PDB file of N, CA and C in Angstrom:
ATOM      1  N   UNK A   1      -5.654 -15.248  32.418  1.00  0.00           N
ATOM      2  CA  UNK A   1      -6.530 -14.437  31.604  1.00  0.00           C
ATOM      3  C   UNK A   1      -7.829 -15.235  31.677  1.00  0.00           C
ATOM      4  N   UNK A   2      -8.886 -14.370  31.699  1.00  0.00           N
ATOM      5  CA  UNK A   2     -10.178 -14.942  31.626  1.00  0.00           C
ATOM      6  C   UNK A   2     -10.553 -15.524  30.312  1.00  0.00           C
ATOM      7  N   UNK A   3     -11.465 -16.448  30.313  1.00  0.00           N
ATOM      8  CA  UNK A   3     -11.899 -17.057  28.969  1.00  0.00           C
ATOM      9  C   UNK A   3     -12.410 -16.145  27.973  1.00  0.00           C
ATOM     10  N   UNK A   4     -13.432 -15.349  28.372  1.00  0.00           N
ATOM     11  CA  UNK A   4     -13.896 -14.275  27.430  1.00  0.00           C
ATOM     12  C   UNK A   4     -12.866 -13.376  26.841  1.00  0.00           C
ATOM     13  N   UNK A   5     -11.939 -12.963  27.707  1.00  0.00           N
ATOM     14  CA  UNK A   5     -10.849 -12.012  27.225  1.00  0.00           C
ATOM     15  C   UNK A   5      -9.987 -12.719  26.198  1.00  0.00           C
ATOM     16  N   UNK A   6      -9.739 -13.880  26.522  1.00  0.00           N
ATOM     17  CA  UNK A   6      -8.752 -14.829  25.614  1.00  0.00           C
ATOM     18  C   UNK A   6      -9.519 -15.068  24.309  1.00  0.00           C
ATOM     19  N   UNK A   7     -10.847 -15.162  24.425  1.00  0.00           N
ATOM     20  CA  UNK A   7     -11.625 -15.432  22.996  1.00  0.00           C
ATOM     21  C   UNK A   7     -11.558 -14.093  22.355  1.00  0.00           C
ATOM     22  N   UNK A   8     -11.800 -12.876  22.971  1.00  0.00           N
ATOM     23  CA  UNK A   8     -11.796 -11.654  22.226  1.00  0.00           C
ATOM     24  C   UNK A   8     -10.433 -11.496  21.665  1.00  0.00           C
ATOM     25  N   UNK A   9      -9.329 -11.687  22.389  1.00  0.00           N
ATOM     26  CA  UNK A   9      -7.978 -11.458  21.909  1.00  0.00           C
ATOM     27  C   UNK A   9      -7.687 -12.353  20.710  1.00  0.00           C
ATOM     28  N   UNK A  10      -8.143 -13.606  20.882  1.00  0.00           N
ATOM     29  CA  UNK A  10      -7.912 -14.712  19.862  1.00  0.00           C
ATOM     30  C   UNK A  10      -8.594 -14.235  18.573  1.00  0.00           C
ATOM     31  N   UNK A  11      -9.707 -13.748  18.637  1.00  0.00           N
ATOM     32  CA  UNK A  11     -10.592 -13.358  17.467  1.00  0.00           C
ATOM     33  C   UNK A  11      -9.956 -12.165  16.752  1.00  0.00           C
ATOM     34  N   UNK A  12      -9.573 -11.253  17.575  1.00  0.00           N
ATOM     35  CA  UNK A  12      -8.760 -10.032  17.031  1.00  0.00           C
ATOM     36  C   UNK A  12      -7.542 -10.398  16.377  1.00  0.00           C
ATOM     37  N   UNK A  13      -6.799 -11.386  16.940  1.00  0.00           N
ATOM     38  CA  UNK A  13      -5.544 -11.775  16.148  1.00  0.00           C
ATOM     39  C   UNK A  13      -5.941 -12.545  14.917  1.00  0.00           C
ATOM     40  N   UNK A  14      -6.898 -13.234  14.845  1.00  0.00           N
ATOM     41  CA  UNK A  14      -7.272 -14.003  13.508  1.00  0.00           C
ATOM     42  C   UNK A  14      -7.787 -12.935  12.533  1.00  0.00           C
ATOM     43  N   UNK A  15      -8.530 -11.966  12.836  1.00  0.00           N
ATOM     44  CA  UNK A  15      -9.058 -10.922  12.028  1.00  0.00           C
ATOM     45  C   UNK A  15      -7.765 -10.131  11.570  1.00  0.00           C
ATOM     46  N   UNK A  16      -6.927  -9.678  12.462  1.00  0.00           N
ATOM     47  CA  UNK A  16      -5.712  -8.976  12.101  1.00  0.00           C
ATOM     48  C   UNK A  16      -4.812  -9.779  11.038  1.00  0.00           C
ATOM     49  N   UNK A  17      -4.598 -11.095  11.272  1.00  0.00           N
ATOM     50  CA  UNK A  17      -3.827 -11.908  10.408  1.00  0.00           C
ATOM     51  C   UNK A  17      -4.558 -12.139   9.031  1.00  0.00           C
ATOM     52  N   UNK A  18      -5.845 -12.252   9.024  1.00  0.00           N
ATOM     53  CA  UNK A  18      -6.452 -12.375   7.791  1.00  0.00           C
ATOM     54  C   UNK A  18      -6.331 -11.058   6.953  1.00  0.00           C
ATOM     55  N   UNK A  19      -6.543  -9.817   7.639  1.00  0.00           N
ATOM     56  CA  UNK A  19      -6.502  -8.689   6.909  1.00  0.00           C
ATOM     57  C   UNK A  19      -4.912  -8.396   6.465  1.00  0.00           C
ATOM     58  N   UNK A  20      -3.999  -8.723   7.227  1.00  0.00           N
ATOM     59  CA  UNK A  20      -2.638  -8.489   6.891  1.00  0.00           C
ATOM     60  C   UNK A  20      -2.222  -9.437   5.781  1.00  0.00           C
ATOM     61  N   UNK A  21      -2.938 -10.606   5.802  1.00  0.00           N
ATOM     62  CA  UNK A  21      -2.536 -11.633   4.721  1.00  0.00           C
ATOM     63  C   UNK A  21      -3.201 -11.411   3.391  1.00  0.00           C
ATOM     64  N   UNK A  22      -4.233 -10.544   3.361  1.00  0.00           N
ATOM     65  CA  UNK A  22      -4.928 -10.285   2.209  1.00  0.00           C
ATOM     66  C   UNK A  22      -4.198  -9.759   1.052  1.00  0.00           C
ATOM     67  N   UNK A  23      -3.174  -8.809   1.330  1.00  0.00           N
ATOM     68  CA  UNK A  23      -2.371  -8.194   0.344  1.00  0.00           C
ATOM     69  C   UNK A  23      -1.327  -9.185  -0.152  1.00  0.00           C
ATOM     70  N   UNK A  24      -0.871  -9.088  -1.380  1.00  0.00           N
ATOM     71  CA  UNK A  24       0.154  -9.853  -2.119  1.00  0.00           C
ATOM     72  C   UNK A  24       1.312  -8.931  -2.483  1.00  0.00           C
ATOM     73  N   UNK A  25       2.322  -8.790  -1.518  1.00  0.00           N
ATOM     74  CA  UNK A  25       3.442  -7.923  -1.875  1.00  0.00           C
ATOM     75  C   UNK A  25       4.181  -8.393  -3.192  1.00  0.00           C
ATOM     76  N   UNK A  26       4.169  -9.627  -3.478  1.00  0.00           N
ATOM     77  CA  UNK A  26       4.939 -10.105  -4.727  1.00  0.00           C
ATOM     78  C   UNK A  26       4.196  -9.560  -5.940  1.00  0.00           C
ATOM     79  N   UNK A  27       2.919  -9.483  -5.780  1.00  0.00           N
ATOM     80  CA  UNK A  27       2.099  -8.724  -7.012  1.00  0.00           C
ATOM     81  C   UNK A  27       2.313  -7.343  -6.996  1.00  0.00           C
ATOM     82  N   UNK A  28       2.275  -6.812  -5.813  1.00  0.00           N
ATOM     83  CA  UNK A  28       2.600  -5.293  -5.573  1.00  0.00           C
ATOM     84  C   UNK A  28       3.857  -4.945  -6.223  1.00  0.00           C
ATOM     85  N   UNK A  29       4.941  -5.768  -6.130  1.00  0.00           N
ATOM     86  CA  UNK A  29       6.125  -5.469  -6.648  1.00  0.00           C
ATOM     87  C   UNK A  29       6.115  -5.427  -8.127  1.00  0.00           C
ATOM     88  N   UNK A  30       5.278  -6.333  -8.756  1.00  0.00           N
ATOM     89  CA  UNK A  30       5.171  -6.358 -10.247  1.00  0.00           C
ATOM     90  C   UNK A  30       4.462  -5.077 -10.797  1.00  0.00           C
ATOM     91  N   UNK A  31       3.388  -4.542  -9.950  1.00  0.00           N
ATOM     92  CA  UNK A  31       2.592  -3.533 -10.240  1.00  0.00           C
ATOM     93  C   UNK A  31       3.618  -2.200 -10.088  1.00  0.00           C
ATOM     94  N   UNK A  32       4.331  -2.119  -9.054  1.00  0.00           N
ATOM     95  CA  UNK A  32       5.190  -1.098  -8.680  1.00  0.00           C
ATOM     96  C   UNK A  32       6.375  -0.933  -9.670  1.00  0.00           C
ATOM     97  N   UNK A  33       6.868  -1.952  -9.949  1.00  0.00           N
ATOM     98  CA  UNK A  33       8.017  -1.965 -10.916  1.00  0.00           C
ATOM     99  C   UNK A  33       7.550  -1.452 -12.185  1.00  0.00           C
ATOM    100  N   UNK A  34       6.333  -1.717 -12.589  1.00  0.00           N
ATOM    101  CA  UNK A  34       5.777  -1.179 -13.918  1.00  0.00           C
ATOM    102  C   UNK A  34       5.351   0.127 -13.870  1.00  0.00           C
ATOM    103  N   UNK A  35       4.949   0.734 -12.647  1.00  0.00           N
ATOM    104  CA  UNK A  35       4.315   2.042 -12.775  1.00  0.00           C
ATOM    105  C   UNK A  35       5.083   3.174 -11.835  1.00  0.00           C
ATOM    106  N   UNK A  36       5.321   2.596 -10.728  1.00  0.00           N
ATOM    107  CA  UNK A  36       5.918   3.536  -9.625  1.00  0.00           C
ATOM    108  C   UNK A  36       7.270   3.760  -9.750  1.00  0.00           C
ATOM    109  N   UNK A  37       8.100   2.745 -10.041  1.00  0.00           N
ATOM    110  CA  UNK A  37       9.544   2.804 -10.054  1.00  0.00           C
ATOM    111  C   UNK A  37      10.171   3.931 -10.891  1.00  0.00           C
ATOM    112  N   UNK A  38       9.472   4.396 -11.969  1.00  0.00           N
ATOM    113  CA  UNK A  38       9.989   5.459 -12.878  1.00  0.00           C
ATOM    114  C   UNK A  38      10.244   6.732 -12.120  1.00  0.00           C
ATOM    115  N   UNK A  39       9.430   7.022 -11.121  1.00  0.00           N
ATOM    116  CA  UNK A  39       9.570   8.211 -10.319  1.00  0.00           C
ATOM    117  C   UNK A  39      10.045   8.003  -8.892  1.00  0.00           C
ATOM    118  N   UNK A  40       9.475   6.935  -8.262  1.00  0.00           N
ATOM    119  CA  UNK A  40       9.773   6.529  -6.806  1.00  0.00           C
ATOM    120  C   UNK A  40      10.763   5.593  -6.636  1.00  0.00           C
ATOM    121  N   UNK A  41      11.520   5.190  -7.774  1.00  0.00           N
ATOM    122  CA  UNK A  41      12.606   4.222  -7.559  1.00  0.00           C
ATOM    123  C   UNK A  41      12.188   2.826  -7.409  1.00  0.00           C
ATOM    124  N   UNK A  42      13.012   1.894  -7.889  1.00  0.00           N
ATOM    125  CA  UNK A  42      12.738   0.463  -7.650  1.00  0.00           C
ATOM    126  C   UNK A  42      12.833   0.090  -6.192  1.00  0.00           C
ATOM    127  N   UNK A  43      13.602   0.938  -5.427  1.00  0.00           N
ATOM    128  CA  UNK A  43      13.654   0.561  -4.021  1.00  0.00           C
ATOM    129  C   UNK A  43      12.780   1.473  -3.224  1.00  0.00           C
ATOM    130  N   UNK A  44      11.857   2.309  -3.832  1.00  0.00           N
ATOM    131  CA  UNK A  44      10.938   2.982  -3.190  1.00  0.00           C
ATOM    132  C   UNK A  44      11.406   4.464  -2.673  1.00  0.00           C
ATOM    133  N   UNK A  45      12.627   4.755  -3.126  1.00  0.00           N
ATOM    134  CA  UNK A  45      13.283   5.955  -2.899  1.00  0.00           C
ATOM    135  C   UNK A  45      13.265   6.922  -4.140  1.00  0.00           C
ATOM    136  N   UNK A  46      12.566   8.050  -3.933  1.00  0.00           N
ATOM    137  CA  UNK A  46      12.387   8.945  -5.133  1.00  0.00           C
ATOM    138  C   UNK A  46      13.628   9.287  -5.826  1.00  0.00           C
ATOM    139  N   UNK A  47      13.563   9.317  -7.162  1.00  0.00           N
ATOM    140  CA  UNK A  47      14.726   9.558  -8.060  1.00  0.00           C
ATOM    141  C   UNK A  47      15.228  10.922  -8.118  1.00  0.00           C
ATOM    142  N   UNK A  48      14.172  11.899  -7.763  1.00  0.00           N
ATOM    143  CA  UNK A  48      14.581  13.229  -7.673  1.00  0.00           C
ATOM    144  C   UNK A  48      13.928  13.767  -6.402  1.00  0.00           C
ATOM    145  N   UNK A  49      14.384  14.896  -5.896  1.00  0.00           N
ATOM    146  CA  UNK A  49      13.708  15.445  -4.639  1.00  0.00           C
ATOM    147  C   UNK A  49      12.377  15.842  -4.739  1.00  0.00           C
ATOM    148  N   UNK A  50      11.806  15.937  -5.813  1.00  0.00           N
ATOM    149  CA  UNK A  50      10.300  16.324  -6.101  1.00  0.00           C
ATOM    150  C   UNK A  50       9.497  15.094  -5.693  1.00  0.00           C
ATOM    151  N   UNK A  51       9.954  13.901  -5.980  1.00  0.00           N
ATOM    152  CA  UNK A  51       9.107  12.600  -5.807  1.00  0.00           C
ATOM    153  C   UNK A  51       9.396  12.068  -4.328  1.00  0.00           C
ATOM    154  N   UNK A  52       8.353  11.874  -3.649  1.00  0.00           N
ATOM    155  CA  UNK A  52       8.572  11.432  -2.283  1.00  0.00           C
ATOM    156  C   UNK A  52       9.076   9.925  -2.242  1.00  0.00           C
ATOM    157  N   UNK A  53       9.710   9.620  -1.107  1.00  0.00           N
ATOM    158  CA  UNK A  53      10.193   8.289  -0.748  1.00  0.00           C
ATOM    159  C   UNK A  53       8.912   7.546  -0.322  1.00  0.00           C
ATOM    160  N   UNK A  54       8.642   6.312  -0.921  1.00  0.00           N
ATOM    161  CA  UNK A  54       7.525   5.502  -0.479  1.00  0.00           C
ATOM    162  C   UNK A  54       8.085   4.352   0.425  1.00  0.00           C
ATOM    163  N   UNK A  55       9.287   3.901   0.307  1.00  0.00           N
ATOM    164  CA  UNK A  55       9.773   2.712   1.221  1.00  0.00           C
ATOM    165  C   UNK A  55       9.552   2.978   2.508  1.00  0.00           C
ATOM    166  N   UNK A  56       8.882   1.818   3.276  1.00  0.00           N
ATOM    167  CA  UNK A  56       8.712   1.953   4.737  1.00  0.00           C
ATOM    168  C   UNK A  56       7.582   2.704   5.133  1.00  0.00           C
ATOM    169  N   UNK A  57       6.843   3.415   4.264  1.00  0.00           N
ATOM    170  CA  UNK A  57       5.563   4.118   4.653  1.00  0.00           C
ATOM    171  C   UNK A  57       4.543   3.139   5.203  1.00  0.00           C
ATOM    172  N   UNK A  58       3.605   3.501   5.970  1.00  0.00           N
ATOM    173  CA  UNK A  58       2.606   2.622   6.471  1.00  0.00           C
ATOM    174  C   UNK A  58       1.589   2.188   5.434  1.00  0.00           C
ATOM    175  N   UNK A  59       1.402   0.869   5.330  1.00  0.00           N
ATOM    176  CA  UNK A  59       0.536   0.376   4.210  1.00  0.00           C
ATOM    177  C   UNK A  59      -0.901   1.167   4.227  1.00  0.00           C
ATOM    178  N   UNK A  60      -1.555   1.456   5.253  1.00  0.00           N
ATOM    179  CA  UNK A  60      -2.781   2.019   5.262  1.00  0.00           C
ATOM    180  C   UNK A  60      -2.618   3.543   4.784  1.00  0.00           C
ATOM    181  N   UNK A  61      -1.637   4.129   5.052  1.00  0.00           N
ATOM    182  CA  UNK A  61      -1.334   5.504   4.440  1.00  0.00           C
ATOM    183  C   UNK A  61      -1.192   5.447   2.891  1.00  0.00           C
ATOM    184  N   UNK A  62      -0.410   4.523   2.334  1.00  0.00           N
ATOM    185  CA  UNK A  62      -0.210   4.407   1.116  1.00  0.00           C
ATOM    186  C   UNK A  62      -1.461   4.084   0.351  1.00  0.00           C
ATOM    187  N   UNK A  63      -2.184   3.131   1.019  1.00  0.00           N
ATOM    188  CA  UNK A  63      -3.511   2.724   0.201  1.00  0.00           C
ATOM    189  C   UNK A  63      -4.443   3.831   0.178  1.00  0.00           C
ATOM    190  N   UNK A  64      -4.539   4.629   1.249  1.00  0.00           N
ATOM    191  CA  UNK A  64      -5.551   5.689   1.302  1.00  0.00           C
ATOM    192  C   UNK A  64      -5.137   6.800   0.413  1.00  0.00           C
ATOM    193  N   UNK A  65      -3.894   7.080   0.181  1.00  0.00           N
ATOM    194  CA  UNK A  65      -3.353   8.093  -0.811  1.00  0.00           C
ATOM    195  C   UNK A  65      -3.692   7.638  -2.210  1.00  0.00           C
ATOM    196  N   UNK A  66      -3.305   6.333  -2.508  1.00  0.00           N
ATOM    197  CA  UNK A  66      -3.651   5.929  -3.852  1.00  0.00           C
ATOM    198  C   UNK A  66      -5.074   5.830  -4.201  1.00  0.00           C
ATOM    199  N   UNK A  67      -5.940   5.534  -3.187  1.00  0.00           N
ATOM    200  CA  UNK A  67      -7.383   5.609  -3.437  1.00  0.00           C
ATOM    201  C   UNK A  67      -7.929   6.988  -3.790  1.00  0.00           C
ATOM    202  N   UNK A  68      -7.328   7.831  -3.004  1.00  0.00           N
ATOM    203  CA  UNK A  68      -7.715   9.204  -3.059  1.00  0.00           C
ATOM    204  C   UNK A  68      -7.289   9.814  -4.518  1.00  0.00           C
ATOM    205  N   UNK A  69      -6.149   9.513  -4.918  1.00  0.00           N
ATOM    206  CA  UNK A  69      -5.812   9.856  -6.286  1.00  0.00           C
ATOM    207  C   UNK A  69      -6.595   9.224  -7.349  1.00  0.00           C
ATOM    208  N   UNK A  70      -6.919   7.907  -7.159  1.00  0.00           N
ATOM    209  CA  UNK A  70      -7.838   7.228  -8.197  1.00  0.00           C
ATOM    210  C   UNK A  70      -9.102   7.757  -8.138  1.00  0.00           C
ATOM    211  N   UNK A  71      -9.688   7.981  -7.057  1.00  0.00           N
ATOM    212  CA  UNK A  71     -11.051   8.445  -6.951  1.00  0.00           C
ATOM    213  C   UNK A  71     -11.288  10.005  -7.121  1.00  0.00           C
ATOM    214  N   UNK A  72     -10.159  10.789  -7.286  1.00  0.00           N
ATOM    215  CA  UNK A  72     -10.403  12.071  -7.485  1.00  0.00           C
ATOM    216  C   UNK A  72     -10.449  13.079  -6.285  1.00  0.00           C
ATOM    217  N   UNK A  73     -10.464  12.497  -5.062  1.00  0.00           N
ATOM    218  CA  UNK A  73     -10.538  13.322  -3.829  1.00  0.00           C
ATOM    219  C   UNK A  73      -9.178  14.006  -3.629  1.00  0.00           C
ATOM    220  N   UNK A  74      -8.125  13.448  -4.088  1.00  0.00           N
ATOM    221  CA  UNK A  74      -6.849  14.172  -4.064  1.00  0.00           C
ATOM    222  C   UNK A  74      -6.309  14.333  -5.536  1.00  0.00           C
ATOM    223  N   UNK A  75      -6.012  15.474  -6.019  1.00  0.00           N
ATOM    224  CA  UNK A  75      -5.835  15.597  -7.305  1.00  0.00           C
ATOM    225  C   UNK A  75      -4.243  16.065  -7.482  1.00  0.00           C
ATOM    226  N   UNK A  76      -3.720  15.339  -8.603  1.00  0.00           N
ATOM    227  CA  UNK A  76      -2.283  15.766  -8.908  1.00  0.00           C
ATOM    228  C   UNK A  76      -2.138  15.325 -10.403  1.00  0.00           C
ATOM    229  N   UNK A  77      -1.661  16.226 -11.227  1.00  0.00           N
ATOM    230  CA  UNK A  77      -1.572  16.001 -12.582  1.00  0.00           C
ATOM    231  C   UNK A  77      -0.762  14.671 -12.962  1.00  0.00           C
ATOM    232  N   UNK A  78       0.202  14.281 -12.208  1.00  0.00           N
ATOM    233  CA  UNK A  78       0.955  13.022 -12.482  1.00  0.00           C
ATOM    234  C   UNK A  78       0.357  11.742 -11.833  1.00  0.00           C
ATOM    235  N   UNK A  79      -0.042  11.888 -10.449  1.00  0.00           N
ATOM    236  CA  UNK A  79      -0.432  10.702  -9.890  1.00  0.00           C
ATOM    237  C   UNK A  79      -1.780  10.361 -10.098  1.00  0.00           C
ATOM    238  N   UNK A  80      -2.786  11.290 -10.364  1.00  0.00           N
ATOM    239  CA  UNK A  80      -4.259  11.003 -10.723  1.00  0.00           C
ATOM    240  C   UNK A  80      -4.253  10.032 -11.826  1.00  0.00           C
ATOM    241  N   UNK A  81      -3.567  10.459 -13.079  1.00  0.00           N
ATOM    242  CA  UNK A  81      -3.818   9.379 -14.120  1.00  0.00           C
ATOM    243  C   UNK A  81      -3.090   7.894 -13.867  1.00  0.00           C
ATOM    244  N   UNK A  82      -1.960   8.151 -13.027  1.00  0.00           N
ATOM    245  CA  UNK A  82      -1.198   6.965 -12.774  1.00  0.00           C
ATOM    246  C   UNK A  82      -2.145   5.943 -11.859  1.00  0.00           C
ATOM    247  N   UNK A  83      -2.951   6.438 -10.980  1.00  0.00           N
ATOM    248  CA  UNK A  83      -3.745   5.596 -10.108  1.00  0.00           C
ATOM    249  C   UNK A  83      -5.083   5.339 -10.684  1.00  0.00           C
ATOM    250  N   UNK A  84      -5.489   5.936 -11.754  1.00  0.00           N
ATOM    251  CA  UNK A  84      -6.796   5.820 -12.369  1.00  0.00           C
ATOM    252  C   UNK A  84      -7.111   4.406 -12.630  1.00  0.00           C
ATOM    253  N   UNK A  85      -6.104   3.720 -13.111  1.00  0.00           N
ATOM    254  CA  UNK A  85      -6.337   2.211 -13.595  1.00  0.00           C
ATOM    255  C   UNK A  85      -6.160   1.142 -12.446  1.00  0.00           C
ATOM    256  N   UNK A  86      -5.775   1.501 -11.241  1.00  0.00           N
ATOM    257  CA  UNK A  86      -5.459   0.600 -10.229  1.00  0.00           C
ATOM    258  C   UNK A  86      -6.701   0.000  -9.578  1.00  0.00           C
ATOM    259  N   UNK A  87      -6.838  -1.211  -9.491  1.00  0.00           N
ATOM    260  CA  UNK A  87      -7.878  -1.919  -8.767  1.00  0.00           C
ATOM    261  C   UNK A  87      -7.685  -1.768  -7.240  1.00  0.00           C
ATOM    262  N   UNK A  88      -8.620  -2.177  -6.545  1.00  0.00           N
ATOM    263  CA  UNK A  88      -8.442  -2.148  -5.143  1.00  0.00           C
ATOM    264  C   UNK A  88      -7.432  -3.121  -4.626  1.00  0.00           C
ATOM    265  N   UNK A  89      -7.477  -4.329  -5.358  1.00  0.00           N
ATOM    266  CA  UNK A  89      -6.330  -5.247  -5.178  1.00  0.00           C
ATOM    267  C   UNK A  89      -4.985  -4.754  -5.410  1.00  0.00           C
ATOM    268  N   UNK A  90      -4.848  -4.031  -6.516  1.00  0.00           N
ATOM    269  CA  UNK A  90      -3.584  -3.475  -6.794  1.00  0.00           C
ATOM    270  C   UNK A  90      -3.087  -2.546  -5.793  1.00  0.00           C
ATOM    271  N   UNK A  91      -4.001  -1.701  -5.471  1.00  0.00           N
ATOM    272  CA  UNK A  91      -3.652  -0.789  -4.345  1.00  0.00           C
ATOM    273  C   UNK A  91      -3.237  -1.398  -3.077  1.00  0.00           C
ATOM    274  N   UNK A  92      -3.884  -2.447  -2.688  1.00  0.00           N
ATOM    275  CA  UNK A  92      -3.505  -3.180  -1.387  1.00  0.00           C
ATOM    276  C   UNK A  92      -2.059  -3.870  -1.551  1.00  0.00           C
ATOM    277  N   UNK A  93      -1.936  -4.368  -2.857  1.00  0.00           N
ATOM    278  CA  UNK A  93      -0.721  -5.139  -2.996  1.00  0.00           C
ATOM    279  C   UNK A  93       0.438  -4.228  -3.075  1.00  0.00           C
ATOM    280  N   UNK A  94       0.392  -3.042  -3.868  1.00  0.00           N
ATOM    281  CA  UNK A  94       1.365  -2.196  -3.994  1.00  0.00           C
ATOM    282  C   UNK A  94       1.796  -1.523  -2.586  1.00  0.00           C
ATOM    283  N   UNK A  95       0.691  -1.191  -1.894  1.00  0.00           N
ATOM    284  CA  UNK A  95       0.970  -0.655  -0.538  1.00  0.00           C
ATOM    285  C   UNK A  95       1.636  -1.621   0.422  1.00  0.00           C
ATOM    286  N   UNK A  96       1.286  -2.864   0.227  1.00  0.00           N
ATOM    287  CA  UNK A  96       1.904  -3.809   1.089  1.00  0.00           C
ATOM    288  C   UNK A  96       3.469  -4.030   0.779  1.00  0.00           C
ATOM    289  N   UNK A  97       3.761  -3.998  -0.571  1.00  0.00           N
ATOM    290  CA  UNK A  97       5.088  -4.212  -1.029  1.00  0.00           C
ATOM    291  C   UNK A  97       5.983  -2.935  -0.683  1.00  0.00           C
ATOM    292  N   UNK A  98       5.474  -1.834  -0.863  1.00  0.00           N
ATOM    293  CA  UNK A  98       6.310  -0.533  -0.481  1.00  0.00           C
ATOM    294  C   UNK A  98       6.471  -0.460   1.082  1.00  0.00           C
ATOM    295  N   UNK A  99       5.426  -0.875   1.883  1.00  0.00           N
ATOM    296  CA  UNK A  99       5.673  -0.733   3.314  1.00  0.00           C
ATOM    297  C   UNK A  99       6.729  -1.716   3.746  1.00  0.00           C
ATOM    298  N   UNK A 100       7.019  -2.758   3.096  1.00  0.00           N
ATOM    299  CA  UNK A 100       7.979  -3.649   3.486  1.00  0.00           C
ATOM    300  C   UNK A 100       9.473  -3.291   3.116  1.00  0.00           C
ATOM    301  N   UNK A 101       9.571  -2.226   2.208  1.00  0.00           N
ATOM    302  CA  UNK A 101      10.910  -1.795   1.833  1.00  0.00           C
ATOM    303  C   UNK A 101      11.527  -0.941   2.887  1.00  0.00           C
ATOM    304  N   UNK A 102      12.799  -0.987   2.932  1.00  0.00           N
ATOM    305  CA  UNK A 102      13.561  -0.373   4.009  1.00  0.00           C
ATOM    306  C   UNK A 102      14.722   0.305   3.333  1.00  0.00           C
TER     307      UNK A 102
END
């Protein structure tokens, strides 16, 4: 492998690991257990057919949907108020936690 290519790949790996390590799934579990579990279950599986399963969804997808609910670009009478109080950190943490569930 050429040196420039190795440097680019190394930099990409460092950036990816920093981004992936930024979220705190343990904190996400605390937030999810307090808010999300009532409808989406403690294991990320919806308790009734109306509520979607969140376990194993991609972190980026979950974060985008929570931000959309919070910011009002996606409206839902249940989810919009639930997401309104979430910080960016909360969203990243919850998304990381739920994406790890299987």
